[in-house]
Amino acid sequence: MPLYLAECVPAKDRGKGTGIFQWLLTLGIMCCGIGIYYSYRVTHVAQVASPQALLLVKDRAWRRIFWA
């Protein structure tokens, strides 16, 4: 993808285009980390809390993952 992007962007903007691509890639990986955090949190709550508390944590987790 970065090579294709570099070929499509004008010569004066190639660095900006590939830099933005790398930044967005890093941002996407960080968002996946947020999802992993919430999945571990739900697993922990499932072991120690009541079903009502688990349902509340699951509801909040998927909403936060979605907005991230």
N, C-alpha and C. Protein backbone atom coordinates (compact mmCIF):
# COMPACT_ATOMS: atom_id res chain seq x y z
N MET A 1 0.81 -1.20 0.00
CA MET A 1 0.00 0.00 0.00
C MET A 1 0.86 1.27 0.00
N PRO A 2 1.90 1.40 0.81
CA PRO A 2 2.68 2.64 0.76
C PRO A 2 3.31 2.88 -0.60
N LEU A 3 3.74 1.83 -1.28
CA LEU A 3 4.34 2.00 -2.60
C LEU A 3 3.30 2.48 -3.60
N TYR A 4 2.11 1.89 -3.57
CA TYR A 4 1.02 2.33 -4.46
C TYR A 4 0.65 3.78 -4.16
N LEU A 5 0.56 4.11 -2.88
CA LEU A 5 0.23 5.47 -2.49
C LEU A 5 1.28 6.46 -2.98
N ALA A 6 2.55 6.08 -2.87
CA ALA A 6 3.63 6.96 -3.31
C ALA A 6 3.58 7.18 -4.82
N GLU A 7 3.11 6.20 -5.57
CA GLU A 7 3.00 6.36 -7.02
C GLU A 7 1.81 7.23 -7.41
N CYS A 8 0.75 7.22 -6.60
CA CYS A 8 -0.47 7.97 -6.94
C CYS A 8 -0.41 9.44 -6.51
N VAL A 9 0.38 9.74 -5.52
CA VAL A 9 0.45 11.10 -4.98
C VAL A 9 1.50 11.89 -5.77
N PRO A 10 1.25 13.17 -6.04
CA PRO A 10 2.25 13.97 -6.74
C PRO A 10 3.59 13.98 -6.00
N ALA A 11 4.66 14.18 -6.71
CA ALA A 11 6.02 14.07 -6.16
C ALA A 11 6.23 14.98 -4.95
N LYS A 12 5.67 16.18 -4.97
CA LYS A 12 5.90 17.11 -3.85
C LYS A 12 5.17 16.70 -2.57
N ASP A 13 4.17 15.81 -2.68
CA ASP A 13 3.38 15.41 -1.51
C ASP A 13 3.59 13.94 -1.13
N ARG A 14 4.56 13.26 -1.69
CA ARG A 14 4.73 11.83 -1.41
C ARG A 14 5.05 11.56 0.05
N GLY A 15 5.89 12.36 0.64
CA GLY A 15 6.23 12.15 2.04
C GLY A 15 5.03 12.33 2.95
N LYS A 16 4.22 13.34 2.66
CA LYS A 16 3.01 13.56 3.45
C LYS A 16 2.04 12.39 3.32
N GLY A 17 1.86 11.92 2.10
CA GLY A 17 0.90 10.83 1.86
C GLY A 17 1.30 9.55 2.57
N THR A 18 2.55 9.15 2.44
CA THR A 18 2.98 7.92 3.10
C THR A 18 3.07 8.12 4.61
N GLY A 19 3.40 9.32 5.06
CA GLY A 19 3.43 9.60 6.50
C GLY A 19 2.04 9.49 7.12
N ILE A 20 1.04 10.02 6.43
CA ILE A 20 -0.34 9.93 6.92
C ILE A 20 -0.78 8.47 6.96
N PHE A 21 -0.41 7.70 5.94
CA PHE A 21 -0.75 6.28 5.92
C PHE A 21 -0.16 5.58 7.15
N GLN A 22 1.10 5.82 7.44
CA GLN A 22 1.74 5.17 8.58
C GLN A 22 1.10 5.62 9.90
N TRP A 23 0.75 6.88 10.00
CA TRP A 23 0.11 7.39 11.21
C TRP A 23 -1.24 6.71 11.42
N LEU A 24 -2.05 6.59 10.35
CA LEU A 24 -3.36 5.95 10.46
C LEU A 24 -3.22 4.46 10.77
N LEU A 25 -2.21 3.82 10.25
CA LEU A 25 -1.95 2.42 10.56
C LEU A 25 -1.64 2.26 12.05
N THR A 26 -0.82 3.12 12.58
CA THR A 26 -0.49 3.08 14.00
C THR A 26 -1.72 3.36 14.86
N LEU A 27 -2.53 4.30 14.45
CA LEU A 27 -3.76 4.61 15.17
C LEU A 27 -4.70 3.41 15.19
N GLY A 28 -4.81 2.71 14.09
CA GLY A 28 -5.65 1.52 14.02
C GLY A 28 -5.17 0.42 14.94
N ILE A 29 -3.86 0.24 15.01
CA ILE A 29 -3.29 -0.77 15.91
C ILE A 29 -3.57 -0.39 17.37
N MET A 30 -3.49 0.89 17.68
CA MET A 30 -3.80 1.33 19.05
C MET A 30 -5.27 1.09 19.39
N CYS A 31 -6.16 1.29 18.43
CA CYS A 31 -7.58 1.03 18.67
C CYS A 31 -7.82 -0.46 18.92
N CYS A 32 -7.09 -1.32 18.26
CA CYS A 32 -7.20 -2.76 18.53
C CYS A 32 -6.74 -3.05 19.96
N GLY A 33 -5.74 -2.35 20.42
CA GLY A 33 -5.29 -2.51 21.80
C GLY A 33 -6.37 -2.15 22.80
N ILE A 34 -7.16 -1.15 22.49
CA ILE A 34 -8.28 -0.78 23.35
C ILE A 34 -9.29 -1.93 23.41
N GLY A 35 -9.56 -2.55 22.29
CA GLY A 35 -10.47 -3.68 22.26
C GLY A 35 -9.96 -4.86 23.07
N ILE A 36 -8.67 -5.12 23.00
CA ILE A 36 -8.07 -6.21 23.76
C ILE A 36 -8.17 -5.92 25.25
N TYR A 37 -7.94 -4.67 25.64
CA TYR A 37 -8.06 -4.29 27.04
C TYR A 37 -9.46 -4.59 27.56
N TYR A 38 -10.47 -4.18 26.83
CA TYR A 38 -11.84 -4.39 27.29
C TYR A 38 -12.21 -5.87 27.30
N SER A 39 -11.68 -6.66 26.38
CA SER A 39 -12.00 -8.09 26.39
C SER A 39 -11.41 -8.76 27.63
N TYR A 40 -10.20 -8.38 28.03
CA TYR A 40 -9.62 -8.93 29.26
C TYR A 40 -10.41 -8.46 30.49
N ARG A 41 -10.87 -7.24 30.45
CA ARG A 41 -11.64 -6.71 31.59
C ARG A 41 -12.96 -7.47 31.74
N VAL A 42 -13.63 -7.75 30.63
CA VAL A 42 -14.89 -8.50 30.67
C VAL A 42 -14.62 -9.91 31.20
N THR A 43 -13.54 -10.53 30.78
CA THR A 43 -13.19 -11.87 31.26
C THR A 43 -12.98 -11.86 32.77
N HIS A 44 -12.30 -10.86 33.27
CA HIS A 44 -12.06 -10.76 34.72
C HIS A 44 -13.38 -10.56 35.47
N VAL A 45 -14.22 -9.68 34.99
CA VAL A 45 -15.50 -9.41 35.65
C VAL A 45 -16.38 -10.66 35.63
N ALA A 46 -16.31 -11.44 34.57
CA ALA A 46 -17.11 -12.66 34.48
C ALA A 46 -16.75 -13.65 35.57
N GLN A 47 -15.51 -13.62 36.02
CA GLN A 47 -15.06 -14.56 37.05
C GLN A 47 -15.43 -14.11 38.46
N VAL A 48 -15.55 -12.82 38.69
CA VAL A 48 -15.70 -12.34 40.07
C VAL A 48 -17.01 -11.60 40.36
N ALA A 49 -17.80 -11.27 39.38
CA ALA A 49 -18.97 -10.42 39.62
C ALA A 49 -20.27 -11.16 39.33
N SER A 50 -21.35 -10.50 39.65
CA SER A 50 -22.68 -11.06 39.41
C SER A 50 -23.04 -10.94 37.93
N PRO A 51 -24.05 -11.70 37.50
CA PRO A 51 -24.47 -11.62 36.09
C PRO A 51 -24.94 -10.22 35.68
N GLN A 52 -25.57 -9.49 36.59
CA GLN A 52 -26.02 -8.13 36.26
C GLN A 52 -24.83 -7.20 36.03
N ALA A 53 -23.82 -7.33 36.87
CA ALA A 53 -22.62 -6.51 36.70
C ALA A 53 -21.90 -6.87 35.41
N LEU A 54 -21.86 -8.16 35.10
CA LEU A 54 -21.23 -8.60 33.84
C LEU A 54 -21.96 -8.02 32.64
N LEU A 55 -23.28 -8.04 32.67
CA LEU A 55 -24.05 -7.47 31.56
C LEU A 55 -23.77 -5.98 31.40
N LEU A 56 -23.65 -5.26 32.50
CA LEU A 56 -23.34 -3.83 32.44
C LEU A 56 -21.95 -3.58 31.86
N VAL A 57 -20.97 -4.37 32.30
CA VAL A 57 -19.61 -4.20 31.78
C VAL A 57 -19.54 -4.54 30.30
N LYS A 58 -20.22 -5.61 29.88
CA LYS A 58 -20.24 -5.98 28.45
C LYS A 58 -20.88 -4.88 27.62
N ASP A 59 -21.97 -4.32 28.13
CA ASP A 59 -22.65 -3.26 27.40
C ASP A 59 -21.76 -2.04 27.22
N ARG A 60 -21.07 -1.64 28.27
CA ARG A 60 -20.16 -0.49 28.18
C ARG A 60 -18.96 -0.81 27.29
N ALA A 61 -18.46 -2.04 27.37
CA ALA A 61 -17.25 -2.41 26.62
C ALA A 61 -17.49 -2.32 25.12
N TRP A 62 -18.56 -2.92 24.61
CA TRP A 62 -18.74 -2.88 23.15
C TRP A 62 -19.00 -1.47 22.66
N ARG A 63 -19.66 -0.65 23.48
CA ARG A 63 -19.88 0.73 23.07
C ARG A 63 -18.59 1.53 22.99
N ARG A 64 -17.72 1.33 23.96
CA ARG A 64 -16.43 2.03 23.96
C ARG A 64 -15.54 1.55 22.82
N ILE A 65 -15.55 0.24 22.55
CA ILE A 65 -14.78 -0.29 21.44
C ILE A 65 -15.29 0.29 20.12
N PHE A 66 -16.62 0.35 19.98
CA PHE A 66 -17.21 0.90 18.76
C PHE A 66 -16.79 2.35 18.54
N TRP A 67 -16.85 3.17 19.57
CA TRP A 67 -16.51 4.58 19.42
C TRP A 67 -15.01 4.81 19.25
N ALA A 68 -14.20 3.90 19.75
CA ALA A 68 -12.75 4.03 19.55
C ALA A 68 -12.42 3.77 18.11
